[in-house]
Amino acid sequence: MPDRPRLTTLDLTGWRKTLRLTLFFAIAGSAALALLGYFLPAHRAAYVPDTGAWLDLTSQPGAEHFHSNFADGGLLPVPVLALAAIVAFLLRRLRFGVGFAAAVVGAGAAVLSVGAVLFAHLFSRHETTIGEPVFGLGVVVLFCTSCALFIVEPVVHLLEKRRLIAAALPAPLPRAIAVA
């Protein structure tokens, strides 16, 4: 019986390696996209300090200024999204187990980065521009690819292990053909 390889010692090959690397790059790219969208002009809404409410600036005369989500959400999403992109990019070449870490960091970054903006605009109406959909797309793709990597990581390693075990088995003996 061939020696069974451990999952932590496997080097992926073929489509399994490509799928795993694609998910790592998708996490890094979507975190970078969300970070870009966080700084792009996103909407016209302003906080009115005396009332404690958000005001829709589109109804105000002469209000032409769009501002980014960074102006409302603050600094928290910047290092969180940058960390998710860096972690996914740096861990992509390591073996079994780091996909789980990258997936948790990516999903956590998506949740933490959207929280600041969501609470700032929860009950406000505002006109949006390019920054809002870019940020939203980046966060949604970041969360979905992180969840996908969390599922794919053990599956591709188990399939690689199964392929290696099958390749190490001796060839089956030929069957005798009865001649009548």
N, C-alpha and C. Protein backbone atom coordinates (compact mmCIF):
# COMPACT_ATOMS: atom_id res chain seq x y z
N MET A 1 0.85 -1.18 0.00
CA MET A 1 0.00 0.00 0.00
C MET A 1 0.89 1.24 0.00
N PRO A 2 0.63 2.19 -0.88
CA PRO A 2 1.47 3.37 -0.95
C PRO A 2 1.29 4.25 0.28
N ASP A 3 2.34 5.00 0.56
CA ASP A 3 2.31 5.93 1.68
C ASP A 3 1.36 7.08 1.36
N ARG A 4 0.42 7.33 2.24
CA ARG A 4 -0.58 8.38 1.99
C ARG A 4 0.01 9.74 2.34
N PRO A 5 -0.04 10.68 1.40
CA PRO A 5 0.51 12.03 1.69
C PRO A 5 -0.42 12.81 2.62
N ARG A 6 0.18 13.67 3.41
CA ARG A 6 -0.61 14.55 4.28
C ARG A 6 -1.02 15.77 3.48
N LEU A 7 -2.15 16.37 3.81
CA LEU A 7 -2.63 17.54 3.08
C LEU A 7 -1.66 18.72 3.18
N THR A 8 -0.97 18.83 4.30
CA THR A 8 -0.06 19.97 4.49
C THR A 8 1.21 19.84 3.66
N THR A 9 1.48 18.67 3.10
CA THR A 9 2.69 18.47 2.30
C THR A 9 2.40 18.50 0.80
N LEU A 10 1.16 18.64 0.41
CA LEU A 10 0.81 18.57 -1.01
C LEU A 10 1.13 19.86 -1.75
N ASP A 11 1.63 19.70 -2.95
CA ASP A 11 1.75 20.81 -3.90
C ASP A 11 0.69 20.58 -4.97
N LEU A 12 -0.21 21.52 -5.11
CA LEU A 12 -1.29 21.36 -6.08
C LEU A 12 -0.76 21.44 -7.50
N THR A 13 -1.42 20.75 -8.40
CA THR A 13 -1.06 20.78 -9.81
C THR A 13 -2.33 20.95 -10.65
N GLY A 14 -2.13 21.35 -11.87
CA GLY A 14 -3.22 21.42 -12.84
C GLY A 14 -4.30 22.43 -12.49
N TRP A 15 -5.52 22.04 -12.75
CA TRP A 15 -6.65 22.95 -12.56
C TRP A 15 -6.87 23.28 -11.09
N ARG A 16 -6.45 22.39 -10.20
CA ARG A 16 -6.63 22.65 -8.77
C ARG A 16 -5.75 23.83 -8.33
N LYS A 17 -4.53 23.86 -8.82
CA LYS A 17 -3.63 24.98 -8.50
C LYS A 17 -4.16 26.28 -9.12
N THR A 18 -4.63 26.19 -10.36
CA THR A 18 -5.15 27.38 -11.05
C THR A 18 -6.37 27.94 -10.34
N LEU A 19 -7.28 27.08 -9.92
CA LEU A 19 -8.49 27.52 -9.22
C LEU A 19 -8.14 28.20 -7.91
N ARG A 20 -7.25 27.60 -7.15
CA ARG A 20 -6.87 28.18 -5.85
C ARG A 20 -6.17 29.53 -6.04
N LEU A 21 -5.23 29.60 -6.99
CA LEU A 21 -4.54 30.87 -7.24
C LEU A 21 -5.49 31.95 -7.74
N THR A 22 -6.45 31.55 -8.57
CA THR A 22 -7.43 32.52 -9.08
C THR A 22 -8.25 33.11 -7.94
N LEU A 23 -8.64 32.29 -6.99
CA LEU A 23 -9.40 32.80 -5.85
C LEU A 23 -8.55 33.73 -4.97
N PHE A 24 -7.29 33.40 -4.79
CA PHE A 24 -6.41 34.29 -4.03
C PHE A 24 -6.28 35.64 -4.75
N PHE A 25 -6.05 35.61 -6.07
CA PHE A 25 -5.93 36.86 -6.81
C PHE A 25 -7.26 37.62 -6.84
N ALA A 26 -8.38 36.91 -6.87
CA ALA A 26 -9.69 37.57 -6.85
C ALA A 26 -9.91 38.28 -5.51
N ILE A 27 -9.47 37.68 -4.43
CA ILE A 27 -9.59 38.34 -3.12
C ILE A 27 -8.72 39.59 -3.09
N ALA A 28 -7.47 39.47 -3.53
CA ALA A 28 -6.58 40.63 -3.53
C ALA A 28 -7.11 41.72 -4.46
N GLY A 29 -7.57 41.34 -5.64
CA GLY A 29 -8.07 42.32 -6.60
C GLY A 29 -9.36 43.00 -6.16
N SER A 30 -10.27 42.23 -5.58
CA SER A 30 -11.53 42.83 -5.14
C SER A 30 -11.31 43.73 -3.92
N ALA A 31 -10.37 43.39 -3.06
CA ALA A 31 -10.04 44.28 -1.94
C ALA A 31 -9.45 45.59 -2.46
N ALA A 32 -8.60 45.49 -3.46
CA ALA A 32 -8.03 46.70 -4.07
C ALA A 32 -9.12 47.51 -4.78
N LEU A 33 -10.05 46.84 -5.44
CA LEU A 33 -11.16 47.53 -6.11
C LEU A 33 -12.05 48.24 -5.09
N ALA A 34 -12.36 47.57 -3.99
CA ALA A 34 -13.16 48.20 -2.94
C ALA A 34 -12.43 49.40 -2.34
N LEU A 35 -11.12 49.28 -2.19
CA LEU A 35 -10.33 50.40 -1.66
C LEU A 35 -10.34 51.57 -2.62
N LEU A 36 -10.23 51.30 -3.91
CA LEU A 36 -10.32 52.36 -4.92
C LEU A 36 -11.69 53.03 -4.88
N GLY A 37 -12.75 52.23 -4.84
CA GLY A 37 -14.11 52.77 -4.78
C GLY A 37 -14.37 53.55 -3.51
N TYR A 38 -13.66 53.22 -2.45
CA TYR A 38 -13.82 53.93 -1.18
C TYR A 38 -13.33 55.37 -1.29
N PHE A 39 -12.35 55.61 -2.16
CA PHE A 39 -11.80 56.96 -2.32
C PHE A 39 -12.40 57.73 -3.49
N LEU A 40 -13.07 57.07 -4.41
CA LEU A 40 -13.68 57.76 -5.55
C LEU A 40 -14.90 58.56 -5.09
N PRO A 41 -15.25 59.63 -5.81
CA PRO A 41 -16.48 60.36 -5.48
C PRO A 41 -17.68 59.40 -5.54
N ALA A 42 -18.49 59.42 -4.50
CA ALA A 42 -19.53 58.40 -4.40
C ALA A 42 -20.95 58.97 -4.37
N HIS A 43 -21.18 60.04 -3.64
CA HIS A 43 -22.56 60.50 -3.46
C HIS A 43 -22.59 61.95 -3.00
N ARG A 44 -23.82 62.49 -3.02
CA ARG A 44 -24.06 63.84 -2.50
C ARG A 44 -24.98 63.72 -1.31
N ALA A 45 -24.41 63.70 -0.16
CA ALA A 45 -25.20 63.71 1.07
C ALA A 45 -24.35 64.39 2.13
N ALA A 46 -24.97 65.11 3.02
CA ALA A 46 -24.20 65.81 4.05
C ALA A 46 -24.88 65.65 5.39
N TYR A 47 -24.08 65.63 6.41
CA TYR A 47 -24.58 65.54 7.78
C TYR A 47 -24.88 66.95 8.27
N VAL A 48 -26.06 67.13 8.85
CA VAL A 48 -26.44 68.43 9.39
C VAL A 48 -26.26 68.35 10.90
N PRO A 49 -25.23 68.99 11.45
CA PRO A 49 -24.91 68.81 12.86
C PRO A 49 -26.01 69.25 13.82
N ASP A 50 -26.73 70.32 13.51
CA ASP A 50 -27.74 70.81 14.45
C ASP A 50 -28.92 69.85 14.59
N THR A 51 -29.29 69.19 13.52
CA THR A 51 -30.45 68.29 13.56
C THR A 51 -30.07 66.85 13.84
N GLY A 52 -28.82 66.49 13.61
CA GLY A 52 -28.40 65.11 13.79
C GLY A 52 -28.89 64.20 12.69
N ALA A 53 -29.18 64.76 11.53
CA ALA A 53 -29.72 63.96 10.43
C ALA A 53 -28.90 64.18 9.17
N TRP A 54 -29.16 63.32 8.20
CA TRP A 54 -28.51 63.45 6.90
C TRP A 54 -29.42 64.21 5.97
N LEU A 55 -28.86 65.05 5.15
CA LEU A 55 -29.62 65.90 4.23
C LEU A 55 -29.27 65.51 2.81
N ASP A 56 -30.28 65.39 1.97
CA ASP A 56 -30.05 65.08 0.57
C ASP A 56 -29.67 66.37 -0.15
N LEU A 57 -28.41 66.45 -0.56
CA LEU A 57 -27.92 67.68 -1.18
C LEU A 57 -28.41 67.86 -2.61
N THR A 58 -28.98 66.84 -3.20
CA THR A 58 -29.44 66.98 -4.58
C THR A 58 -30.60 67.95 -4.68
N SER A 59 -31.30 68.17 -3.58
CA SER A 59 -32.42 69.10 -3.60
C SER A 59 -32.00 70.53 -3.27
N GLN A 60 -30.75 70.72 -2.89
CA GLN A 60 -30.27 72.04 -2.52
C GLN A 60 -29.73 72.78 -3.74
N PRO A 61 -30.03 74.04 -3.89
CA PRO A 61 -29.50 74.78 -5.04
C PRO A 61 -27.99 74.96 -4.94
N GLY A 62 -27.31 74.71 -6.02
CA GLY A 62 -25.87 74.92 -6.08
C GLY A 62 -25.03 73.84 -5.43
N ALA A 63 -25.63 72.77 -4.98
CA ALA A 63 -24.87 71.69 -4.34
C ALA A 63 -24.40 70.73 -5.42
N GLU A 64 -23.20 70.91 -5.88
CA GLU A 64 -22.67 70.09 -6.98
C GLU A 64 -21.54 69.19 -6.53
N HIS A 65 -21.22 69.21 -5.27
CA HIS A 65 -20.04 68.50 -4.79
C HIS A 65 -20.38 67.06 -4.41
N PHE A 66 -19.71 66.11 -5.06
CA PHE A 66 -19.80 64.70 -4.67
C PHE A 66 -18.62 64.41 -3.75
N HIS A 67 -18.84 63.60 -2.74
CA HIS A 67 -17.73 63.22 -1.88
C HIS A 67 -17.65 61.71 -1.78
N SER A 68 -16.53 61.23 -1.30
CA SER A 68 -16.27 59.80 -1.27
C SER A 68 -16.85 59.16 0.00
N ASN A 69 -16.85 57.85 0.02
CA ASN A 69 -17.25 57.13 1.22
C ASN A 69 -16.25 57.35 2.35
N PHE A 70 -15.00 57.65 1.98
CA PHE A 70 -13.98 57.93 2.99
C PHE A 70 -14.36 59.14 3.84
N ALA A 71 -15.00 60.13 3.22
CA ALA A 71 -15.41 61.32 3.96
C ALA A 71 -16.43 60.98 5.04
N ASP A 72 -17.23 59.95 4.83
CA ASP A 72 -18.25 59.57 5.81
C ASP A 72 -17.83 58.40 6.68
N GLY A 73 -17.14 57.43 6.09
CA GLY A 73 -16.81 56.19 6.79
C GLY A 73 -15.56 56.24 7.63
N GLY A 74 -14.69 57.18 7.37
CA GLY A 74 -13.48 57.29 8.17
C GLY A 74 -12.35 56.40 7.68
N LEU A 75 -11.38 56.19 8.54
CA LEU A 75 -10.14 55.53 8.17
C LEU A 75 -10.17 54.01 8.33
N LEU A 76 -11.08 53.43 9.08
CA LEU A 76 -11.07 52.00 9.39
C LEU A 76 -11.02 51.10 8.15
N PRO A 77 -11.84 51.31 7.12
CA PRO A 77 -11.78 50.39 5.97
C PRO A 77 -10.47 50.43 5.19
N VAL A 78 -9.72 51.50 5.27
CA VAL A 78 -8.48 51.60 4.49
C VAL A 78 -7.46 50.54 4.90
N PRO A 79 -7.04 50.47 6.17
CA PRO A 79 -6.07 49.42 6.52
C PRO A 79 -6.67 48.01 6.47
N VAL A 80 -7.96 47.90 6.72
CA VAL A 80 -8.60 46.58 6.69
C VAL A 80 -8.59 46.02 5.27
N LEU A 81 -8.99 46.82 4.28
CA LEU A 81 -8.98 46.35 2.90
C LEU A 81 -7.57 46.16 2.38
N ALA A 82 -6.66 47.04 2.76
CA ALA A 82 -5.26 46.88 2.36
C ALA A 82 -4.67 45.60 2.94
N LEU A 83 -4.98 45.31 4.20
CA LEU A 83 -4.51 44.08 4.83
C LEU A 83 -5.05 42.86 4.11
N ALA A 84 -6.32 42.87 3.73
CA ALA A 84 -6.91 41.73 3.02
C ALA A 84 -6.21 41.50 1.69
N ALA A 85 -5.93 42.57 0.97
CA ALA A 85 -5.24 42.43 -0.32
C ALA A 85 -3.82 41.90 -0.13
N ILE A 86 -3.11 42.42 0.84
CA ILE A 86 -1.72 42.00 1.07
C ILE A 86 -1.65 40.56 1.56
N VAL A 87 -2.54 40.19 2.48
CA VAL A 87 -2.55 38.83 3.02
C VAL A 87 -2.85 37.83 1.90
N ALA A 88 -3.85 38.10 1.08
CA ALA A 88 -4.19 37.18 0.00
C ALA A 88 -3.06 37.07 -1.01
N PHE A 89 -2.40 38.18 -1.30
CA PHE A 89 -1.31 38.15 -2.27
C PHE A 89 -0.09 37.40 -1.73
N LEU A 90 0.24 37.60 -0.47
CA LEU A 90 1.43 36.96 0.10
C LEU A 90 1.23 35.48 0.42
N LEU A 91 0.03 35.08 0.79
CA LEU A 91 -0.21 33.69 1.18
C LEU A 91 -0.52 32.76 0.02
N ARG A 92 -0.63 33.28 -1.18
CA ARG A 92 -1.10 32.48 -2.32
C ARG A 92 -0.19 31.29 -2.64
N ARG A 93 1.08 31.36 -2.32
CA ARG A 93 2.02 30.29 -2.67
C ARG A 93 2.21 29.25 -1.55
N LEU A 94 1.67 29.51 -0.39
CA LEU A 94 1.86 28.58 0.72
C LEU A 94 0.90 27.41 0.60
N ARG A 95 1.12 26.41 1.41
CA ARG A 95 0.37 25.15 1.28
C ARG A 95 -0.95 25.18 2.04
N PHE A 96 -1.50 24.00 2.22
CA PHE A 96 -2.82 23.81 2.81
C PHE A 96 -2.97 24.54 4.14
N GLY A 97 -4.10 25.20 4.30
CA GLY A 97 -4.43 25.88 5.55
C GLY A 97 -4.43 27.39 5.45
N VAL A 98 -3.55 27.94 4.63
CA VAL A 98 -3.51 29.40 4.53
C VAL A 98 -4.69 29.95 3.76
N GLY A 99 -5.34 29.12 2.97
CA GLY A 99 -6.56 29.56 2.28
C GLY A 99 -7.66 29.90 3.27
N PHE A 100 -7.71 29.14 4.36
CA PHE A 100 -8.69 29.44 5.40
C PHE A 100 -8.40 30.81 6.02
N ALA A 101 -7.14 31.08 6.30
CA ALA A 101 -6.76 32.36 6.91
C ALA A 101 -7.06 33.52 5.97
N ALA A 102 -6.71 33.36 4.70
CA ALA A 102 -6.99 34.42 3.72
C ALA A 102 -8.48 34.63 3.55
N ALA A 103 -9.25 33.55 3.59
CA ALA A 103 -10.70 33.66 3.45
C ALA A 103 -11.33 34.38 4.64
N VAL A 104 -10.87 34.08 5.83
CA VAL A 104 -11.41 34.73 7.03
C VAL A 104 -11.03 36.21 7.04
N VAL A 105 -9.80 36.52 6.66
CA VAL A 105 -9.37 37.92 6.61
C VAL A 105 -10.17 38.67 5.54
N GLY A 106 -10.38 38.05 4.39
CA GLY A 106 -11.14 38.70 3.31
C GLY A 106 -12.59 38.94 3.68
N ALA A 107 -13.24 37.94 4.23
CA ALA A 107 -14.65 38.11 4.62
C ALA A 107 -14.78 39.11 5.76
N GLY A 108 -13.86 39.07 6.70
CA GLY A 108 -13.88 40.04 7.80
C GLY A 108 -13.65 41.46 7.30
N ALA A 109 -12.75 41.61 6.34
CA ALA A 109 -12.50 42.93 5.77
C ALA A 109 -13.73 43.45 5.05
N ALA A 110 -14.44 42.58 4.35
CA ALA A 110 -15.66 43.01 3.65
C ALA A 110 -16.70 43.50 4.65
N VAL A 111 -16.88 42.76 5.71
CA VAL A 111 -17.89 43.13 6.71
C VAL A 111 -17.48 44.41 7.45
N LEU A 112 -16.23 44.50 7.85
CA LEU A 112 -15.79 45.70 8.58
C LEU A 112 -15.78 46.95 7.72
N SER A 113 -15.42 46.80 6.45
CA SER A 113 -15.34 47.99 5.61
C SER A 113 -16.70 48.52 5.21
N VAL A 114 -17.68 47.66 5.09
CA VAL A 114 -19.00 48.14 4.70
C VAL A 114 -19.77 48.69 5.89
N GLY A 115 -19.38 48.29 7.09
CA GLY A 115 -20.09 48.75 8.28
C GLY A 115 -20.04 50.24 8.47
N ALA A 116 -18.88 50.83 8.28
CA ALA A 116 -18.74 52.28 8.49
C ALA A 116 -19.61 53.08 7.53
N VAL A 117 -19.64 52.65 6.29
CA VAL A 117 -20.43 53.36 5.28
C VAL A 117 -21.92 53.07 5.45
N LEU A 118 -22.25 51.84 5.79
CA LEU A 118 -23.65 51.46 5.94
C LEU A 118 -24.32 52.25 7.06
N PHE A 119 -23.66 52.37 8.19
CA PHE A 119 -24.26 53.09 9.30
C PHE A 119 -24.35 54.60 9.02
N ALA A 120 -23.42 55.11 8.24
CA ALA A 120 -23.47 56.54 7.91
C ALA A 120 -24.62 56.86 6.96
N HIS A 121 -25.02 55.91 6.12
CA HIS A 121 -26.05 56.18 5.11
C HIS A 121 -27.29 55.32 5.27
N LEU A 122 -27.51 54.78 6.43
CA LEU A 122 -28.59 53.82 6.61
C LEU A 122 -29.96 54.41 6.30
N PHE A 123 -30.27 55.57 6.78
CA PHE A 123 -31.59 56.16 6.57
C PHE A 123 -31.55 57.42 5.72
N SER A 124 -30.50 57.57 4.94
CA SER A 124 -30.40 58.78 4.12
C SER A 124 -30.67 58.45 2.66
N ARG A 125 -31.12 59.44 1.97
CA ARG A 125 -31.28 59.34 0.52
C ARG A 125 -30.17 60.18 -0.09
N HIS A 126 -29.50 59.62 -1.07
CA HIS A 126 -28.43 60.37 -1.70
C HIS A 126 -28.27 59.94 -3.15
N GLU A 127 -27.80 60.85 -3.94
CA GLU A 127 -27.52 60.57 -5.34
C GLU A 127 -26.12 59.98 -5.44
N THR A 128 -25.98 58.89 -6.16
CA THR A 128 -24.69 58.22 -6.22
C THR A 128 -24.00 58.47 -7.56
N THR A 129 -22.71 58.24 -7.55
CA THR A 129 -21.89 58.30 -8.76
C THR A 129 -20.94 57.11 -8.74
N ILE A 130 -19.89 57.13 -9.50
CA ILE A 130 -19.05 55.96 -9.78
C ILE A 130 -18.45 55.29 -8.54
N GLY A 131 -18.14 56.02 -7.52
CA GLY A 131 -17.49 55.44 -6.34
C GLY A 131 -18.36 54.45 -5.59
N GLU A 132 -19.65 54.71 -5.55
CA GLU A 132 -20.56 53.83 -4.81
C GLU A 132 -20.64 52.43 -5.42
N PRO A 133 -20.91 52.28 -6.73
CA PRO A 133 -20.96 50.92 -7.28
C PRO A 133 -19.60 50.22 -7.31
N VAL A 134 -18.51 50.97 -7.48
CA VAL A 134 -17.18 50.35 -7.48
C VAL A 134 -16.88 49.80 -6.09
N PHE A 135 -17.17 50.57 -5.06
CA PHE A 135 -16.95 50.11 -3.70
C PHE A 135 -17.87 48.92 -3.39
N GLY A 136 -19.14 49.03 -3.77
CA GLY A 136 -20.08 47.94 -3.51
C GLY A 136 -19.69 46.65 -4.23
N LEU A 137 -19.30 46.76 -5.49
CA LEU A 137 -18.87 45.59 -6.25
C LEU A 137 -17.63 44.96 -5.62
N GLY A 138 -16.67 45.78 -5.24
CA GLY A 138 -15.46 45.25 -4.60
C GLY A 138 -15.76 44.52 -3.32
N VAL A 139 -16.64 45.06 -2.49
CA VAL A 139 -16.96 44.43 -1.21
C VAL A 139 -17.74 43.13 -1.42
N VAL A 140 -18.70 43.13 -2.33
CA VAL A 140 -19.48 41.92 -2.58
C VAL A 140 -18.61 40.81 -3.15
N VAL A 141 -17.76 41.15 -4.13
CA VAL A 141 -16.87 40.14 -4.71
C VAL A 141 -15.86 39.66 -3.68
N LEU A 142 -15.36 40.55 -2.86
CA LEU A 142 -14.43 40.16 -1.80
C LEU A 142 -15.07 39.16 -0.85
N PHE A 143 -16.29 39.42 -0.43
CA PHE A 143 -16.97 38.52 0.49
C PHE A 143 -17.26 37.17 -0.17
N CYS A 144 -17.76 37.20 -1.40
CA CYS A 144 -18.12 35.95 -2.09
C CYS A 144 -16.89 35.10 -2.42
N THR A 145 -15.81 35.71 -2.88
CA THR A 145 -14.62 34.92 -3.18
C THR A 145 -13.95 34.41 -1.91
N SER A 146 -14.06 35.15 -0.83
CA SER A 146 -13.52 34.66 0.44
C SER A 146 -14.29 33.43 0.90
N CYS A 147 -15.60 33.48 0.78
CA CYS A 147 -16.40 32.30 1.14
C CYS A 147 -16.10 31.12 0.22
N ALA A 148 -15.92 31.40 -1.07
CA ALA A 148 -15.60 30.34 -2.03
C ALA A 148 -14.25 29.72 -1.72
N LEU A 149 -13.26 30.52 -1.37
CA LEU A 149 -11.94 29.98 -1.04
C LEU A 149 -12.01 29.13 0.22
N PHE A 150 -12.82 29.52 1.17
CA PHE A 150 -12.97 28.74 2.40
C PHE A 150 -13.50 27.34 2.10
N ILE A 151 -14.37 27.24 1.09
CA ILE A 151 -14.93 25.94 0.70
C ILE A 151 -13.98 25.19 -0.22
N VAL A 152 -13.35 25.89 -1.15
CA VAL A 152 -12.51 25.25 -2.17
C VAL A 152 -11.20 24.73 -1.59
N GLU A 153 -10.65 25.40 -0.61
CA GLU A 153 -9.35 25.02 -0.06
C GLU A 153 -9.27 23.54 0.31
N PRO A 154 -10.14 22.99 1.14
CA PRO A 154 -9.99 21.56 1.46
C PRO A 154 -10.36 20.65 0.28
N VAL A 155 -11.30 21.09 -0.55
CA VAL A 155 -11.74 20.23 -1.66
C VAL A 155 -10.61 19.98 -2.65
N VAL A 156 -9.91 21.04 -3.08
CA VAL A 156 -8.85 20.84 -4.06
C VAL A 156 -7.68 20.04 -3.47
N HIS A 157 -7.40 20.21 -2.19
CA HIS A 157 -6.32 19.43 -1.59
C HIS A 157 -6.71 17.96 -1.45
N LEU A 158 -7.96 17.70 -1.11
CA LEU A 158 -8.40 16.30 -1.04
C LEU A 158 -8.41 15.66 -2.42
N LEU A 159 -8.81 16.40 -3.45
CA LEU A 159 -8.78 15.86 -4.80
C LEU A 159 -7.35 15.61 -5.26
N GLU A 160 -6.43 16.47 -4.89
CA GLU A 160 -5.01 16.26 -5.24
C GLU A 160 -4.47 15.04 -4.51
N LYS A 161 -4.84 14.88 -3.26
CA LYS A 161 -4.40 13.71 -2.50
C LYS A 161 -4.95 12.43 -3.13
N ARG A 162 -6.18 12.47 -3.53
CA ARG A 162 -6.79 11.30 -4.17
C ARG A 162 -6.09 10.98 -5.50
N ARG A 163 -5.73 12.01 -6.25
CA ARG A 163 -5.04 11.80 -7.51
C ARG A 163 -3.67 11.18 -7.29
N LEU A 164 -2.95 11.64 -6.28
CA LEU A 164 -1.62 11.10 -5.99
C LEU A 164 -1.70 9.65 -5.51
N ILE A 165 -2.68 9.33 -4.71
CA ILE A 165 -2.84 7.95 -4.23
C ILE A 165 -3.18 7.04 -5.40
N ALA A 166 -4.07 7.47 -6.27
CA ALA A 166 -4.44 6.66 -7.43
C ALA A 166 -3.26 6.47 -8.38
N ALA A 167 -2.41 7.49 -8.51
CA ALA A 167 -1.25 7.38 -9.40
C ALA A 167 -0.19 6.46 -8.82
N ALA A 168 -0.14 6.32 -7.50
CA ALA A 168 0.87 5.49 -6.86
C ALA A 168 0.46 4.02 -6.77
N LEU A 169 -0.78 3.72 -7.00
CA LEU A 169 -1.22 2.33 -6.94
C LEU A 169 -0.62 1.54 -8.09
N PRO A 170 -0.32 0.27 -7.86
CA PRO A 170 0.19 -0.54 -8.97
C PRO A 170 -0.90 -0.76 -10.01
N ALA A 171 -0.48 -0.98 -11.21
CA ALA A 171 -1.43 -1.22 -12.30
C ALA A 171 -2.16 -2.52 -12.03
N PRO A 172 -3.44 -2.58 -12.36
CA PRO A 172 -4.18 -3.81 -12.12
C PRO A 172 -3.68 -4.92 -13.06
N LEU A 173 -3.79 -6.13 -12.57
CA LEU A 173 -3.39 -7.29 -13.38
C LEU A 173 -4.39 -7.46 -14.52
N PRO A 174 -3.90 -7.89 -15.66
CA PRO A 174 -4.85 -8.10 -16.77
C PRO A 174 -5.75 -9.27 -16.47
N ARG A 175 -6.94 -9.20 -16.96
CA ARG A 175 -7.90 -10.28 -16.75
C ARG A 175 -7.67 -11.35 -17.82
N ALA A 176 -7.88 -12.54 -17.42
CA ALA A 176 -7.72 -13.64 -18.38
C ALA A 176 -8.92 -13.67 -19.30
N ILE A 177 -8.62 -13.91 -20.54
CA ILE A 177 -9.70 -13.98 -21.53
C ILE A 177 -9.92 -15.45 -21.83
N ALA A 178 -11.11 -15.87 -21.60
CA ALA A 178 -11.46 -17.28 -21.84
C ALA A 178 -11.68 -17.49 -23.33
N VAL A 179 -11.01 -18.48 -23.87
CA VAL A 179 -11.19 -18.80 -25.27
C VAL A 179 -11.99 -20.09 -25.32
N ALA A 180 -13.06 -20.04 -25.97
CA ALA A 180 -13.91 -21.22 -26.02
C ALA A 180 -13.75 -22.01 -27.28
